Amino acid sequence: MDIKQIFENNQNWIAKQLETDATYFDKLAKGQSPEFLYIGCSDSRVSAEELMGLQPGTVFVHRNIANMVPNTDLNSMSVINYAVTNLKVNHIVVCGHYGCGGVLAAMQQVDLGILNPWLRNIRDVYRIHVKELDAITDEEKKYKRLIELNVQEQCINVIKTAEVQKANSERNLKVYGWIFDIHTGKLIDLNIDFDEILKDITKIYKITD
């Protein structure tokens, strides 16, 4: 694609938005008050607002390889802090997707250089659930299950944070784990039980009263 086409597309998009609502950009410029923080994968096939059917200004988005929330990652921790403390989101979604290249790479026993430390977080998920995963003989099903378990573990990492625990206590903020099926376009709710997870980890990870 010629890069000039992007700017032509932009002009067409502006015209379309103004045709629908003459004050569209005036509203955008007033600021944001999103209800959702969406933590998803950087995969080019997965667009947060589109798959959720929502408009700009309603979803605060953080994306990285394999929708990870490592406890030592300043980027994701800063996003959670800002979204919860300043933007006052009430819903945090960790959304993985079937066909995730990051999870597939983590399943391979190969040296991937700079990616190794990042993928090690996914391999840690495998280690935690090794009995369940090794019992699955079908490699495709094992792959899909690791994608789901990775979302589950990243939800737990979100719930470990002080901001999320405090916001849950103050305004009942919740965390959700979803999968986007790129083969069908469907969002699948993994039914992450926020309250049960918080209860289970309270002894070790409770930070706020």
Protein backbone atom coordinates (compact mmCIF):
# COMPACT_ATOMS: atom_id res chain seq x y z
CA MET A 1 0.00 0.00 0.00
CA ASP A 2 1.20 3.50 -0.85
CA ILE A 3 1.52 5.45 2.40
CA LYS A 4 -0.30 8.36 0.75
CA GLN A 5 -3.40 6.19 0.68
CA ILE A 6 -3.50 6.32 4.48
CA PHE A 7 -3.92 10.10 4.41
CA GLU A 8 -6.60 9.84 1.75
CA ASN A 9 -8.38 7.29 3.91
CA ASN A 10 -8.10 9.69 6.82
CA GLN A 11 -9.76 12.50 4.88
CA ASN A 12 -12.57 10.18 3.81
CA TRP A 13 -13.03 9.05 7.42
CA ILE A 14 -13.20 12.66 8.63
CA ALA A 15 -15.83 13.48 6.03
CA LYS A 16 -17.87 10.41 6.97
CA GLN A 17 -17.79 11.24 10.68
CA LEU A 18 -18.80 14.86 10.11
CA GLU A 19 -21.59 13.81 7.78
CA THR A 20 -23.00 11.66 10.57
CA ASP A 21 -22.33 14.13 13.39
CA ALA A 22 -21.06 17.66 12.76
CA THR A 23 -19.82 17.90 16.36
CA TYR A 24 -18.02 14.53 16.38
CA PHE A 25 -14.50 15.89 16.81
CA ASP A 26 -15.60 18.62 19.20
CA LYS A 27 -16.90 15.86 21.46
CA LEU A 28 -13.70 13.84 21.15
CA ALA A 29 -11.60 16.88 22.01
CA LYS A 30 -13.43 17.41 25.31
CA GLY A 31 -11.69 14.39 26.83
CA GLN A 32 -12.31 10.73 27.57
CA SER A 33 -14.35 8.89 30.16
CA PRO A 34 -14.12 5.22 29.14
CA GLU A 35 -15.97 2.52 31.04
CA PHE A 36 -13.54 -0.20 29.93
CA LEU A 37 -9.84 -0.92 30.09
CA TYR A 38 -9.09 -3.47 27.37
CA ILE A 39 -5.82 -5.40 27.57
CA GLY A 40 -5.34 -7.30 24.34
CA CYS A 41 -2.84 -8.71 21.88
CA SER A 42 -0.90 -6.61 19.38
CA ASP A 43 -2.04 -8.95 16.60
CA SER A 44 -3.09 -6.85 13.59
CA ARG A 45 -6.27 -8.89 13.13
CA VAL A 46 -7.72 -7.96 16.53
CA SER A 47 -9.13 -4.45 16.98
CA ALA A 48 -10.61 -3.72 20.41
CA GLU A 49 -13.36 -1.21 19.61
CA GLU A 50 -14.46 -3.01 16.46
CA LEU A 51 -14.88 -6.44 18.00
CA MET A 52 -16.69 -4.89 20.98
CA GLY A 53 -18.92 -2.77 18.74
CA LEU A 54 -18.00 0.41 20.63
CA GLN A 55 -16.96 3.91 19.61
CA PRO A 56 -13.74 5.88 20.27
CA GLY A 57 -13.72 7.32 23.77
CA THR A 58 -15.40 4.30 25.39
CA VAL A 59 -12.43 1.91 25.65
CA PHE A 60 -8.96 2.60 27.04
CA VAL A 61 -6.67 0.17 25.21
CA HIS A 62 -3.38 -1.50 26.06
CA ARG A 63 -1.92 -4.06 23.66
CA ASN A 64 1.21 -6.18 23.65
CA ILE A 65 2.37 -9.58 22.43
CA ALA A 66 -0.01 -12.23 23.81
CA ASN A 67 -2.00 -9.81 26.02
CA MET A 68 0.39 -10.15 28.95
CA VAL A 69 0.28 -8.42 32.34
CA PRO A 70 3.68 -9.20 33.90
CA ASN A 71 3.98 -7.84 37.41
CA THR A 72 7.33 -6.24 36.57
CA ASP A 73 6.21 -4.59 33.33
CA LEU A 74 6.09 -0.84 33.99
CA ASN A 75 4.08 -0.26 30.83
CA SER A 76 1.10 -2.44 31.70
CA MET A 77 1.25 -1.49 35.39
CA SER A 78 1.16 2.21 34.46
CA VAL A 79 -1.79 1.67 32.12
CA ILE A 80 -3.75 -0.13 34.86
CA ASN A 81 -2.90 2.57 37.39
CA TYR A 82 -3.98 5.41 35.10
CA ALA A 83 -7.13 3.68 33.86
CA VAL A 84 -8.32 2.71 37.33
CA THR A 85 -7.15 5.70 39.38
CA ASN A 86 -7.59 8.59 36.93
CA LEU A 87 -10.09 7.46 34.33
CA LYS A 88 -12.15 5.50 36.87
CA VAL A 89 -12.93 2.58 34.58
CA ASN A 90 -15.30 0.04 36.08
CA HIS A 91 -14.48 -2.93 33.85
CA ILE A 92 -11.09 -4.41 32.95
CA VAL A 93 -11.02 -6.95 30.12
CA VAL A 94 -8.09 -9.21 29.31
CA CYS A 95 -8.79 -10.51 25.82
CA GLY A 96 -6.75 -13.22 24.14
CA HIS A 97 -7.42 -14.78 20.76
CA TYR A 98 -7.18 -18.17 19.15
CA GLY A 99 -4.30 -18.36 16.72
CA CYS A 100 -2.06 -16.21 18.94
CA GLY A 101 1.48 -16.22 17.56
CA GLY A 102 3.01 -15.29 20.91
CA VAL A 103 1.51 -18.29 22.68
CA LEU A 104 2.51 -20.58 19.79
CA ALA A 105 6.08 -19.29 19.95
CA ALA A 106 6.17 -19.94 23.71
CA MET A 107 5.22 -23.57 23.05
CA GLN A 108 8.29 -24.07 20.85
CA GLN A 109 11.67 -25.01 22.33
CA VAL A 110 13.66 -22.50 20.31
CA ASP A 111 15.82 -19.49 21.12
CA LEU A 112 13.98 -16.36 20.01
CA GLY A 113 16.49 -13.81 21.26
CA ILE A 114 14.99 -10.64 22.71
CA LEU A 115 11.57 -12.32 22.83
CA ASN A 116 12.77 -14.94 25.31
CA PRO A 117 12.13 -12.98 28.55
CA TRP A 118 8.64 -12.00 27.39
CA LEU A 119 7.67 -15.49 26.25
CA ARG A 120 8.99 -16.91 29.51
CA ASN A 121 5.90 -15.41 31.16
CA ILE A 122 3.72 -17.59 28.93
CA ARG A 123 5.90 -20.61 29.63
CA ASP A 124 5.34 -19.91 33.33
CA VAL A 125 1.62 -20.28 32.65
CA TYR A 126 2.33 -23.66 31.05
CA ARG A 127 4.39 -24.68 34.10
CA ILE A 128 1.56 -23.76 36.47
CA HIS A 129 -0.93 -25.83 34.46
CA VAL A 130 1.44 -28.51 33.18
CA LYS A 131 -0.63 -31.48 34.38
CA GLU A 132 -3.77 -30.30 32.58
CA LEU A 133 -1.93 -29.31 29.41
CA ASP A 134 0.22 -32.42 29.16
CA ALA A 135 -2.92 -34.55 29.47
CA ILE A 136 -4.18 -33.04 26.20
CA THR A 137 -2.84 -35.14 23.31
CA ASP A 138 -4.32 -33.06 20.49
CA GLU A 139 -1.78 -30.27 19.86
CA GLU A 140 -4.38 -27.82 18.50
CA LYS A 141 -6.59 -28.30 21.55
CA LYS A 142 -3.57 -27.92 23.83
CA TYR A 143 -2.66 -24.69 22.00
CA LYS A 144 -6.16 -23.29 22.44
CA ARG A 145 -6.26 -24.29 26.08
CA LEU A 146 -2.95 -22.55 26.80
CA ILE A 147 -4.35 -19.41 25.19
CA GLU A 148 -7.33 -19.60 27.56
CA LEU A 149 -5.19 -20.34 30.62
CA ASN A 150 -2.90 -17.46 29.72
CA VAL A 151 -5.87 -15.09 29.78
CA GLN A 152 -6.90 -16.52 33.14
CA GLU A 153 -3.45 -16.00 34.63
CA GLN A 154 -3.21 -12.45 33.29
CA CYS A 155 -6.56 -11.70 34.93
CA ILE A 156 -5.07 -12.93 38.19
CA ASN A 157 -2.09 -10.61 37.68
CA VAL A 158 -4.49 -7.71 37.22
CA ILE A 159 -6.39 -8.62 40.38
CA LYS A 160 -3.12 -8.71 42.34
CA THR A 161 -2.65 -4.96 41.91
CA ALA A 162 -3.47 -2.50 44.70
CA GLU A 163 -5.43 -0.19 42.39
CA VAL A 164 -7.78 -2.93 41.27
CA GLN A 165 -8.34 -4.27 44.77
CA LYS A 166 -9.10 -0.77 46.05
CA ALA A 167 -11.44 0.04 43.15
CA ASN A 168 -13.30 -3.22 43.66
CA SER A 169 -13.84 -2.32 47.31
CA GLU A 170 -14.88 1.26 46.54
CA ARG A 171 -16.96 0.91 43.36
CA ASN A 172 -17.20 -2.81 42.57
CA LEU A 173 -14.75 -2.79 39.65
CA LYS A 174 -14.58 -6.19 37.95
CA VAL A 175 -12.09 -8.06 35.77
CA TYR A 176 -13.12 -10.26 32.84
CA GLY A 177 -11.31 -12.82 30.70
CA TRP A 178 -12.37 -13.13 27.06
CA ILE A 179 -11.23 -14.95 23.94
CA PHE A 180 -11.72 -13.61 20.42
CA ASP A 181 -12.23 -16.44 17.96
CA ILE A 182 -10.68 -15.15 14.74
CA HIS A 183 -12.33 -18.00 12.81
CA THR A 184 -15.87 -16.90 13.67
CA GLY A 185 -15.54 -13.34 14.97
CA LYS A 186 -17.19 -14.34 18.25
CA LEU A 187 -16.19 -13.13 21.69
CA ILE A 188 -16.08 -15.95 24.22
CA ASP A 189 -16.48 -15.19 27.92
CA LEU A 190 -14.24 -17.44 30.02
CA ASN A 191 -16.41 -16.58 33.03
CA ILE A 192 -13.50 -15.56 35.22
CA ASP A 193 -14.82 -15.49 38.78
CA PHE A 194 -13.35 -12.22 40.10
CA ASP A 195 -14.68 -12.64 43.63
CA GLU A 196 -13.44 -16.22 43.95
CA ILE A 197 -9.99 -15.33 42.60
CA LEU A 198 -9.73 -12.36 44.96
CA LYS A 199 -10.74 -14.58 47.85
CA ASP A 200 -8.17 -17.23 46.89
CA ILE A 201 -5.26 -14.81 46.60
CA THR A 202 -6.16 -12.56 49.54
CA LYS A 203 -3.81 -14.25 52.00
CA ILE A 204 -0.77 -13.57 49.84
CA TYR A 205 -1.64 -10.65 47.58
CA LYS A 206 -4.05 -8.52 49.59
CA ILE A 207 -2.70 -4.99 49.62
CA THR A 208 -5.66 -2.84 50.69
CA ASP A 209 -8.13 -3.11 53.55
